[in-house]
Protein backbone atom coordinates (compact mmCIF):
# COMPACT_ATOMS: atom_id res chain seq x y z
CA MET A 1 0.00 0.00 0.00
CA PRO A 2 1.23 3.45 -0.79
CA GLY A 3 1.76 6.14 1.70
CA HIS A 4 -0.98 8.70 1.97
CA ARG A 5 1.10 11.37 0.30
CA THR A 6 1.51 10.16 -3.27
CA LYS A 7 1.23 12.82 -5.97
CA GLY A 8 1.55 10.60 -9.04
CA PHE A 9 -0.28 11.08 -12.29
CA CYS A 10 -3.48 9.09 -12.73
CA ALA A 11 -5.40 8.48 -15.92
CA SER A 12 -8.99 9.51 -15.85
CA ALA A 13 -11.80 6.98 -15.74
CA ALA A 14 -12.81 8.14 -19.20
CA ALA A 15 -9.39 7.25 -20.60
CA LEU A 16 -9.45 3.87 -18.92
CA ALA A 17 -12.90 3.17 -20.32
CA LEU A 18 -11.23 3.02 -23.73
CA CYS A 19 -9.77 -0.30 -22.65
CA ALA A 20 -13.18 -1.89 -22.84
CA VAL A 21 -13.09 -1.50 -26.62
CA LEU A 22 -9.42 -2.34 -27.05
CA ALA A 23 -9.61 -6.09 -26.68
CA GLY A 24 -8.19 -6.37 -30.17
CA CYS A 25 -5.01 -4.53 -29.24
CA GLY A 26 -3.14 -7.69 -28.37
CA GLY A 27 -3.75 -8.13 -24.66
CA SER A 28 -1.21 -9.42 -22.19
CA GLY A 29 0.69 -12.67 -22.09
CA GLU A 30 2.89 -14.49 -24.61
CA SER A 31 4.68 -17.77 -25.11
CA ALA A 32 8.38 -18.25 -24.57
CA GLY A 33 10.69 -20.63 -26.34
CA GLY A 34 10.09 -24.31 -25.62
CA GLY A 35 6.36 -23.75 -25.16
CA ARG A 36 6.64 -22.00 -21.79
CA ILE A 37 3.97 -19.44 -21.01
CA VAL A 38 5.16 -15.97 -20.05
CA LEU A 39 3.22 -14.03 -17.44
CA ARG A 40 3.89 -10.33 -16.91
CA TYR A 41 3.68 -9.48 -13.21
CA THR A 42 4.23 -5.93 -11.99
CA TRP A 43 4.24 -4.29 -8.57
CA TRP A 44 5.48 -1.24 -6.71
CA GLY A 45 7.79 -1.32 -3.73
CA ASN A 46 11.28 -1.00 -2.32
CA PRO A 47 14.33 -3.23 -2.96
CA ASP A 48 13.52 -5.45 0.03
CA ARG A 49 10.05 -6.20 -1.33
CA ALA A 50 11.56 -6.84 -4.76
CA ALA A 51 14.13 -9.32 -3.45
CA ARG A 52 11.50 -11.28 -1.53
CA THR A 53 9.07 -11.22 -4.45
CA GLU A 54 11.69 -12.51 -6.89
CA LYS A 55 12.48 -15.37 -4.51
CA ALA A 56 8.80 -16.28 -4.20
CA VAL A 57 8.32 -16.10 -7.97
CA ALA A 58 11.29 -18.42 -8.47
CA LEU A 59 9.58 -20.97 -6.23
CA PHE A 60 6.35 -20.62 -8.23
CA GLU A 61 8.27 -21.23 -11.47
CA GLN A 62 9.91 -24.27 -9.93
CA ARG A 63 6.48 -25.72 -9.17
CA HIS A 64 5.08 -24.67 -12.57
CA PRO A 65 7.87 -25.45 -15.06
CA ASP A 66 5.61 -24.52 -17.97
CA VAL A 67 5.40 -20.90 -16.79
CA ARG A 68 7.96 -18.11 -16.75
CA VAL A 69 7.10 -14.97 -14.82
CA GLN A 70 8.47 -11.72 -16.23
CA THR A 71 8.62 -9.28 -13.32
CA SER A 72 9.02 -5.52 -13.00
CA PHE A 73 8.68 -3.04 -10.16
CA SER A 74 9.22 0.63 -9.36
CA GLY A 75 8.35 3.25 -6.78
CA TYR A 76 4.64 3.93 -6.34
CA ASP A 77 4.39 7.21 -8.25
CA ALA A 78 6.21 5.85 -11.32
CA TYR A 79 4.32 2.56 -11.10
CA LYS A 80 0.96 4.28 -10.93
CA GLN A 81 1.69 6.36 -14.01
CA LYS A 82 3.07 3.46 -16.03
CA LEU A 83 0.16 1.16 -15.19
CA ALA A 84 -2.34 3.87 -16.14
CA THR A 85 -0.60 4.29 -19.50
CA GLN A 86 -0.54 0.53 -20.13
CA ALA A 87 -4.18 0.18 -19.16
CA ALA A 88 -5.31 3.03 -21.40
CA GLY A 89 -3.43 1.38 -24.28
CA GLY A 90 -5.01 -2.05 -23.76
CA ASP A 91 -1.69 -3.52 -22.63
CA ALA A 92 -2.23 -4.15 -18.91
CA PRO A 93 0.01 -6.83 -17.34
CA ASP A 94 -1.32 -10.34 -16.76
CA VAL A 95 -0.99 -9.91 -12.98
CA MET A 96 -0.75 -6.50 -11.38
CA GLN A 97 -0.49 -5.09 -7.89
CA LEU A 98 -3.27 -2.60 -7.20
CA ASP A 99 -4.02 0.04 -4.63
CA TYR A 100 -7.35 0.23 -2.82
CA ARG A 101 -8.15 3.44 -4.68
CA GLN A 102 -7.58 1.91 -8.13
CA ILE A 103 -10.05 -0.99 -7.94
CA ASP A 104 -13.23 0.78 -9.01
CA GLN A 105 -11.46 2.80 -11.69
CA TYR A 106 -9.84 -0.18 -13.36
CA ALA A 107 -12.84 -2.47 -12.93
CA SER A 108 -15.20 0.12 -14.42
CA GLY A 109 -12.72 0.80 -17.23
CA GLY A 110 -12.70 -2.82 -18.37
CA VAL A 111 -9.07 -3.31 -17.34
CA LEU A 112 -9.61 -6.12 -14.81
CA LEU A 113 -10.83 -9.68 -15.18
CA ASP A 114 -13.74 -10.86 -13.04
CA LEU A 115 -11.93 -13.32 -10.77
CA GLY A 116 -15.20 -15.07 -9.99
CA ARG A 117 -14.50 -17.06 -13.15
CA GLN A 118 -11.40 -18.52 -11.47
CA ARG A 119 -12.95 -19.72 -8.19
CA ARG A 120 -11.64 -23.26 -8.71
CA LEU A 121 -8.02 -22.06 -8.90
CA LEU A 122 -8.10 -18.99 -6.70
CA ARG A 123 -9.14 -19.82 -3.14
CA THR A 124 -10.60 -17.03 -0.99
CA GLU A 125 -12.36 -18.88 1.83
CA SER A 126 -9.55 -18.15 4.32
CA ILE A 127 -9.69 -14.39 3.77
CA ASP A 128 -11.76 -12.24 6.12
CA PRO A 129 -15.05 -11.50 4.30
CA GLY A 130 -14.83 -7.79 5.13
CA LEU A 131 -11.37 -7.49 3.59
CA LEU A 132 -12.33 -9.61 0.57
CA ALA A 133 -15.36 -7.42 -0.10
CA THR A 134 -13.14 -4.37 -0.63
CA GLY A 135 -11.98 -5.91 -3.93
CA ARG A 136 -15.57 -6.25 -5.16
CA VAL A 137 -17.23 -3.78 -7.51
CA ARG A 138 -20.95 -4.06 -8.29
CA GLY A 139 -21.02 -7.62 -7.02
CA ALA A 140 -18.03 -8.94 -8.98
CA GLN A 141 -14.65 -9.82 -7.42
CA TYR A 142 -12.08 -7.93 -9.48
CA ALA A 143 -9.17 -8.04 -7.04
CA VAL A 144 -7.94 -10.08 -4.09
CA PRO A 145 -6.19 -8.48 -1.12
CA GLN A 146 -2.64 -9.69 -0.61
CA GLY A 147 -1.80 -8.09 2.71
CA ARG A 148 -3.49 -6.38 5.61
CA GLY A 149 -2.25 -3.03 6.78
CA THR A 150 -3.33 -0.05 8.82
CA GLU A 151 -2.13 3.48 9.39
CA THR A 152 0.18 4.40 12.22
CA VAL A 153 1.98 7.23 13.89
CA VAL A 154 5.58 6.07 13.39
CA TYR A 155 8.09 7.89 15.56
CA ASP A 156 11.76 8.24 16.42
CA VAL A 157 11.86 6.36 19.72
CA GLN A 158 15.10 7.85 20.99
CA ALA A 159 14.18 11.46 20.17
CA TRP A 160 10.68 11.18 21.61
CA ARG A 161 11.95 9.62 24.86
CA ARG A 162 14.70 12.21 25.23
CA SER A 163 12.16 15.00 24.88
CA GLY A 164 10.34 13.92 28.02
CA VAL A 165 6.97 14.13 26.24
CA PRO A 166 4.76 11.16 27.25
CA LEU A 167 4.90 8.39 24.66
CA PRO A 168 1.78 7.88 22.52
CA GLY A 169 -0.60 5.09 23.45
CA ARG A 170 -3.91 3.46 22.67
CA GLY A 171 -6.98 5.69 22.85
CA TRP A 172 -5.30 9.05 22.40
CA THR A 173 -7.37 11.68 20.61
CA TRP A 174 -6.53 14.10 17.82
CA ASP A 175 -6.36 16.90 20.37
CA GLN A 176 -3.87 14.88 22.43
CA TRP A 177 -1.85 14.15 19.29
CA ALA A 178 -1.76 17.89 18.53
CA GLY A 179 -0.62 18.61 22.07
CA ALA A 180 2.19 16.09 21.66
CA MET A 181 3.27 17.68 18.35
CA ARG A 182 3.45 21.09 20.03
CA ALA A 183 5.38 19.73 23.01
CA LEU A 184 7.83 17.85 20.80
CA ALA A 185 8.48 20.96 18.70
CA LYS A 186 9.19 22.99 21.84
CA LYS A 187 11.50 20.37 23.34
CA THR A 188 13.39 19.31 20.20
CA GLY A 189 13.47 22.51 18.17
CA ARG A 190 12.00 20.81 15.11
CA PRO A 191 8.42 19.95 14.05
CA GLY A 192 6.81 17.13 15.99
CA GLY A 193 5.60 15.44 12.81
CA THR A 194 4.65 15.69 9.16
CA ASP A 195 1.70 17.97 8.43
CA PRO A 196 -1.19 15.51 7.83
CA GLY A 197 -3.37 18.16 6.17
CA GLN A 198 -2.27 17.04 2.72
CA SER A 199 -3.26 13.41 3.36
CA GLU A 200 -6.67 12.24 2.22
CA ASP A 201 -6.06 9.03 4.18
CA ALA A 202 -5.47 10.91 7.44
CA PHE A 203 -8.54 13.05 6.76
CA GLU A 204 -10.61 9.88 6.29
CA ILE A 205 -9.51 8.55 9.68
CA TRP A 206 -10.33 11.89 11.31
CA LEU A 207 -13.75 11.84 9.61
CA ARG A 208 -14.53 8.31 10.74
CA GLY A 209 -13.68 9.35 14.28
CA GLN A 210 -16.46 11.94 13.93
CA GLY A 211 -18.91 9.24 12.82
CA LYS A 212 -18.70 10.30 9.15
CA SER A 213 -17.15 8.78 6.03
CA LEU A 214 -15.17 9.82 2.99
CA TYR A 215 -17.80 8.42 0.62
CA THR A 216 -21.37 7.25 0.92
CA LYS A 217 -22.54 3.79 -0.13
CA ASP A 218 -23.95 5.28 -3.32
CA ARG A 219 -20.49 6.67 -4.12
CA GLY A 220 -21.07 10.31 -3.30
CA LEU A 221 -19.14 12.53 -0.87
CA GLY A 222 -19.72 11.60 2.76
CA PHE A 223 -18.66 14.96 4.16
CA THR A 224 -19.29 18.67 3.64
CA ALA A 225 -17.09 21.68 2.95
CA ALA A 226 -17.58 22.59 6.62
CA ASP A 227 -16.06 19.26 7.69
CA LEU A 228 -13.02 19.74 5.47
CA THR A 229 -12.69 23.35 6.66
CA ARG A 230 -12.47 22.10 10.25
CA TRP A 231 -9.75 19.60 9.33
CA TRP A 232 -7.66 22.07 7.36
CA THR A 233 -8.09 24.78 9.99
CA PHE A 234 -6.84 22.30 12.59
CA THR A 235 -3.74 21.27 10.60
CA ASP A 236 -3.03 24.78 9.28
CA ARG A 237 -2.91 26.14 12.83
CA LEU A 238 -0.38 23.47 13.81
CA ARG A 239 1.75 24.31 10.78
CA ARG A 240 1.69 28.04 11.57
CA GLU A 241 2.80 27.22 15.13
CA GLY A 242 5.71 25.09 13.86
CA ALA A 243 4.26 21.96 15.47
CA VAL A 244 4.16 20.13 12.12
CA SER A 245 6.29 20.41 8.99
CA PRO A 246 6.33 23.59 6.86
CA ALA A 247 4.92 23.79 3.34
CA GLU A 248 8.29 23.50 1.60
CA GLN A 249 8.78 20.09 3.19
CA THR A 250 5.30 18.62 2.75
CA THR A 251 5.10 19.64 -0.90
CA GLN A 252 8.23 17.58 -1.58
CA LEU A 253 6.65 14.33 -0.41
CA ASP A 254 6.76 11.72 -3.17
CA GLY A 255 5.59 8.49 -1.53
CA SER A 256 9.05 7.41 -0.31
CA VAL A 257 10.02 7.42 3.36
CA GLU A 258 13.38 8.93 2.41
CA ASN A 259 11.74 12.23 1.49
CA THR A 260 9.56 12.59 4.58
CA PRO A 261 10.57 15.01 7.33
CA LEU A 262 11.08 12.04 9.68
CA GLY A 263 13.25 10.23 7.13
CA ARG A 264 15.36 13.35 6.64
CA GLY A 265 15.82 13.99 10.35
CA LYS A 266 13.62 17.10 10.32
CA ALA A 267 10.72 15.78 12.43
CA THR A 268 10.15 13.29 15.24
CA SER A 269 7.17 11.42 13.77
CA ASP A 270 5.13 10.74 10.66
CA VAL A 271 1.71 9.38 9.76
CA ASN A 272 2.15 6.46 7.39
CA TRP A 273 1.11 2.89 6.73
CA ASP A 274 2.60 0.21 8.96
CA ALA A 275 4.43 -2.00 6.42
CA PRO A 276 6.15 0.83 4.47
CA ALA A 277 7.28 2.26 7.82
CA SER A 278 9.97 -0.44 7.78
CA GLY A 279 11.98 1.89 5.55
CA TYR A 280 12.57 4.26 8.46
CA GLY A 281 14.71 1.64 10.19
CA ALA A 282 17.70 2.45 7.98
CA LEU A 283 17.16 6.21 8.27
CA VAL A 284 16.44 6.84 11.96
CA LYS A 285 19.44 5.97 14.13
CA GLY A 286 17.47 5.61 17.33
CA GLY A 287 14.98 3.21 15.76
CA VAL A 288 11.25 3.70 15.28
CA ALA A 289 8.10 2.46 16.97
CA LEU A 290 4.45 2.34 15.90
CA ALA A 291 1.56 3.98 17.73
CA PRO A 292 -2.19 3.83 16.92
CA MET A 293 -3.80 6.63 14.99
CA PRO A 294 -5.64 9.21 17.11
CA SER A 295 -9.35 8.66 17.70
CA GLY A 296 -12.32 11.02 17.86
CA ALA A 297 -12.94 13.14 20.95
CA ASN A 298 -15.38 10.53 22.32
CA GLY A 299 -12.97 7.66 21.69
CA THR A 300 -14.51 6.56 18.37
CA PRO A 301 -11.74 4.95 16.29
CA GLY A 302 -11.40 6.11 12.70
CA GLN A 303 -8.61 3.68 11.96
CA TYR A 304 -9.37 0.39 10.20
CA PHE A 305 -7.63 -2.66 8.81
CA LYS A 306 -7.33 -2.16 5.10
CA PRO A 307 -5.94 -4.34 2.33
CA SER A 308 -2.43 -2.97 1.99
CA MET A 309 -2.64 -3.85 -1.68
CA PHE A 310 -4.46 -6.14 -4.08
CA LEU A 311 -3.66 -8.47 -6.92
CA GLY A 312 -5.70 -8.36 -10.10
CA VAL A 313 -5.60 -9.98 -13.55
CA GLY A 314 -5.67 -8.07 -16.83
CA ALA A 315 -9.01 -8.43 -18.60
CA HIS A 316 -7.33 -9.32 -21.90
CA THR A 317 -4.78 -11.81 -20.61
CA ARG A 318 -4.32 -14.91 -22.73
CA HIS A 319 -3.37 -16.92 -19.66
CA ALA A 320 -6.09 -16.41 -17.07
CA THR A 321 -5.56 -19.87 -15.59
CA GLN A 322 -1.86 -19.35 -14.91
CA ALA A 323 -2.47 -15.82 -13.68
CA ALA A 324 -5.01 -17.12 -11.15
CA GLN A 325 -2.53 -19.81 -10.07
CA LEU A 326 0.15 -17.18 -9.42
CA ILE A 327 -2.21 -15.08 -7.30
CA ASP A 328 -3.37 -18.14 -5.37
CA PHE A 329 0.27 -19.05 -4.72
CA LEU A 330 1.21 -15.58 -3.49
CA VAL A 331 -1.84 -15.32 -1.21
CA ASN A 332 -2.36 -18.87 0.04
CA ASP A 333 0.88 -20.86 -0.14
CA PRO A 334 2.65 -21.27 3.25
CA ASP A 335 6.12 -21.38 1.67
CA ALA A 336 5.45 -18.20 -0.28
CA ALA A 337 4.23 -16.57 2.94
CA LYS A 338 7.47 -17.46 4.74
CA ILE A 339 9.45 -15.76 1.96
CA LEU A 340 7.28 -12.66 1.65
CA GLY A 341 6.86 -12.09 5.39
CA ALA A 342 5.11 -8.80 6.08
CA THR A 343 6.63 -6.89 3.18
CA ARG A 344 3.13 -6.27 1.80
CA GLY A 345 1.48 -6.17 5.17
CA ILE A 346 0.40 -9.05 7.37
CA PRO A 347 -0.97 -11.98 5.28
CA VAL A 348 -4.73 -11.93 4.69
CA ASN A 349 -5.02 -15.72 4.78
CA GLU A 350 -5.99 -16.26 8.42
CA ALA A 351 -4.42 -19.72 8.73
CA ILE A 352 -1.12 -18.46 7.31
CA ARG A 353 -1.21 -15.37 9.51
CA LYS A 354 -1.51 -17.52 12.63
CA ASP A 355 1.20 -19.87 11.39
CA ILE A 356 3.90 -17.39 10.47
CA GLY A 357 3.14 -14.74 13.09
CA PRO A 358 5.30 -16.24 15.86
CA ARG A 359 8.19 -16.74 13.43
CA LEU A 360 8.34 -13.20 12.12
CA THR A 361 11.42 -11.22 13.08
CA GLY A 362 12.67 -7.65 12.85
CA PHE A 363 10.22 -5.05 11.59
CA ASP A 364 7.87 -7.75 10.30
CA ARG A 365 7.35 -8.75 13.92
CA THR A 366 6.89 -5.09 14.89
CA VAL A 367 4.06 -4.78 12.35
CA ALA A 368 2.49 -8.08 13.44
CA ASP A 369 2.55 -7.06 17.11
CA TYR A 370 1.15 -3.64 16.28
CA GLN A 371 -1.77 -5.13 14.37
CA ALA A 372 -2.38 -7.72 17.09
CA SER A 373 -2.69 -4.89 19.62
CA LEU A 374 -5.56 -3.47 17.55
CA GLU A 375 -7.53 -6.70 17.04
CA GLY A 376 -11.16 -6.31 17.98
CA THR A 377 -10.98 -2.53 18.44
CA LEU A 378 -11.41 -1.27 14.86
CA LYS A 379 -14.46 -0.93 12.65
CA ASP A 380 -14.91 -2.70 9.29
CA PRO A 381 -13.19 -1.13 6.28
CA PRO A 382 -15.29 0.98 3.91
CA GLN A 383 -16.03 -0.20 0.40
CA ALA A 384 -13.44 0.60 -2.24
CA PRO A 385 -13.65 4.30 -3.17
CA PRO A 386 -15.36 5.35 -6.42
CA SER A 387 -13.17 5.67 -9.49
CA GLY A 388 -12.93 9.45 -9.26
CA ASP A 389 -11.08 9.23 -5.95
CA ASN A 390 -7.83 8.27 -7.64
CA ALA A 391 -7.68 11.68 -9.31
CA LEU A 392 -9.10 13.42 -6.26
CA GLN A 393 -6.12 12.41 -4.13
CA THR A 394 -4.01 14.75 -6.25
CA THR A 395 -6.69 17.45 -6.10
CA PHE A 396 -6.83 17.14 -2.31
CA GLN A 397 -3.07 17.63 -1.98
CA ARG A 398 -3.02 20.47 -4.51
CA ASP A 399 -5.76 22.39 -2.70
CA TYR A 400 -4.08 21.94 0.66
CA ASP A 401 -0.83 23.23 -0.85
CA GLN A 402 -2.70 26.49 -1.38
CA VAL A 403 -3.51 26.53 2.33
CA SER A 404 -0.03 25.63 3.52
CA TYR A 405 1.53 28.33 1.32
CA GLU A 406 -1.10 30.75 2.67
CA ARG A 407 -2.56 31.49 -0.76
CA MET A 408 -6.05 30.38 0.29
CA SER A 409 -7.95 30.15 3.53
CA PRO A 410 -8.95 26.67 4.73
CA ARG A 411 -12.60 27.52 4.00
CA THR A 412 -11.99 28.69 0.42
CA ALA A 413 -9.78 25.69 -0.36
CA ALA A 414 -12.33 23.31 1.16
CA GLU A 415 -15.18 24.80 -0.86
CA ASN A 416 -13.09 24.55 -4.03
CA TYR A 417 -12.26 20.92 -3.30
CA VAL A 418 -15.86 19.88 -2.62
CA THR A 419 -17.01 21.56 -5.84
CA GLU A 420 -14.36 19.78 -7.89
CA ALA A 421 -14.93 16.47 -6.11
CA LYS A 422 -18.65 16.48 -6.84
CA ALA A 423 -17.96 17.23 -10.50
CA GLU A 424 -15.34 14.46 -10.71
CA LEU A 425 -17.65 11.91 -9.11
CA ARG A 426 -20.46 12.77 -11.54
CA SER A 427 -18.23 12.40 -14.61
């Protein structure tokens, strides 16, 4: 799953809809010499995820000698743009890693295969029904979750402890989080954390803590301009006080931990997803720890377990059977799970999760323990966002940039965003 701060290009739903009429453009999949089938499998991630994935793929090829898997990966922003281009050209990979916010767009655009046709090969009975449902669009299963993740406040343990500010814990509220950011800034001389105003994901968690949602069940906006004004007024005040990162730092965020204020030693904490937070280990000398996301004032949690990412099959693949076998292997095979660990989040297969949990080490174990501490306390995940949301992430960040550079008031920016969002969702 990407961080909440990606600013990558995204093709519009209208462009993707062209794929529905491009079945004659060749599709994905080919045959290699000696009769071996070639599957194209693409994902985003860091070098650690790539090394583990290549090892797992090698095991799959060993068990399926008639198949060769051609792999490719990149950082999330570049991946997102490339996949959108491939999809719009009718050349989507056979198997592709997908973000939660891409499912509706690609399913509606005719890019993804209905995996219900592959029930015999692709087992889903060991996946939590709530998580599995997030890959469903209009009753059809277009994607299968591969890992389970959740957001976290990741922090520099040594710096936070040295400051004397009480460590974060379960049940803290957004007001308590803000107080901690202010106290950390005063004690350390640097912002307490990254400004979360630019993050649609953080806003969603704040909204859910108020008993609201980002989108309604009928795929409209679940909040008003007044709600967004409150959020941006809250974060803008913290930025003006120096409690969170300044505009010139937050506008440089590109989805990598290396370019966050925490990763660059310019803040004590960050709001991110749990699995990608492993990247801070090599950047923060004192080590990092994970704390729950703040809750609403009355203790209502906005945080939820979300598929960290999905796997889908290109609608025009020539090798749907082998593609389904690869996904089944990556999601359900115990040996693959041992190789992959928690690099894509904790496994969604419940039996595998229980089996490998005690054997996880390093940051994988940190993520597993963090998620275990939240079991039974979070609400079900929302349905996958409507297709327009993929573009609206960029709009959300762009409009908040206007606030953080003091070119617009929170109210004006919020009203602009809601107007654009409604238009995007109607298109």
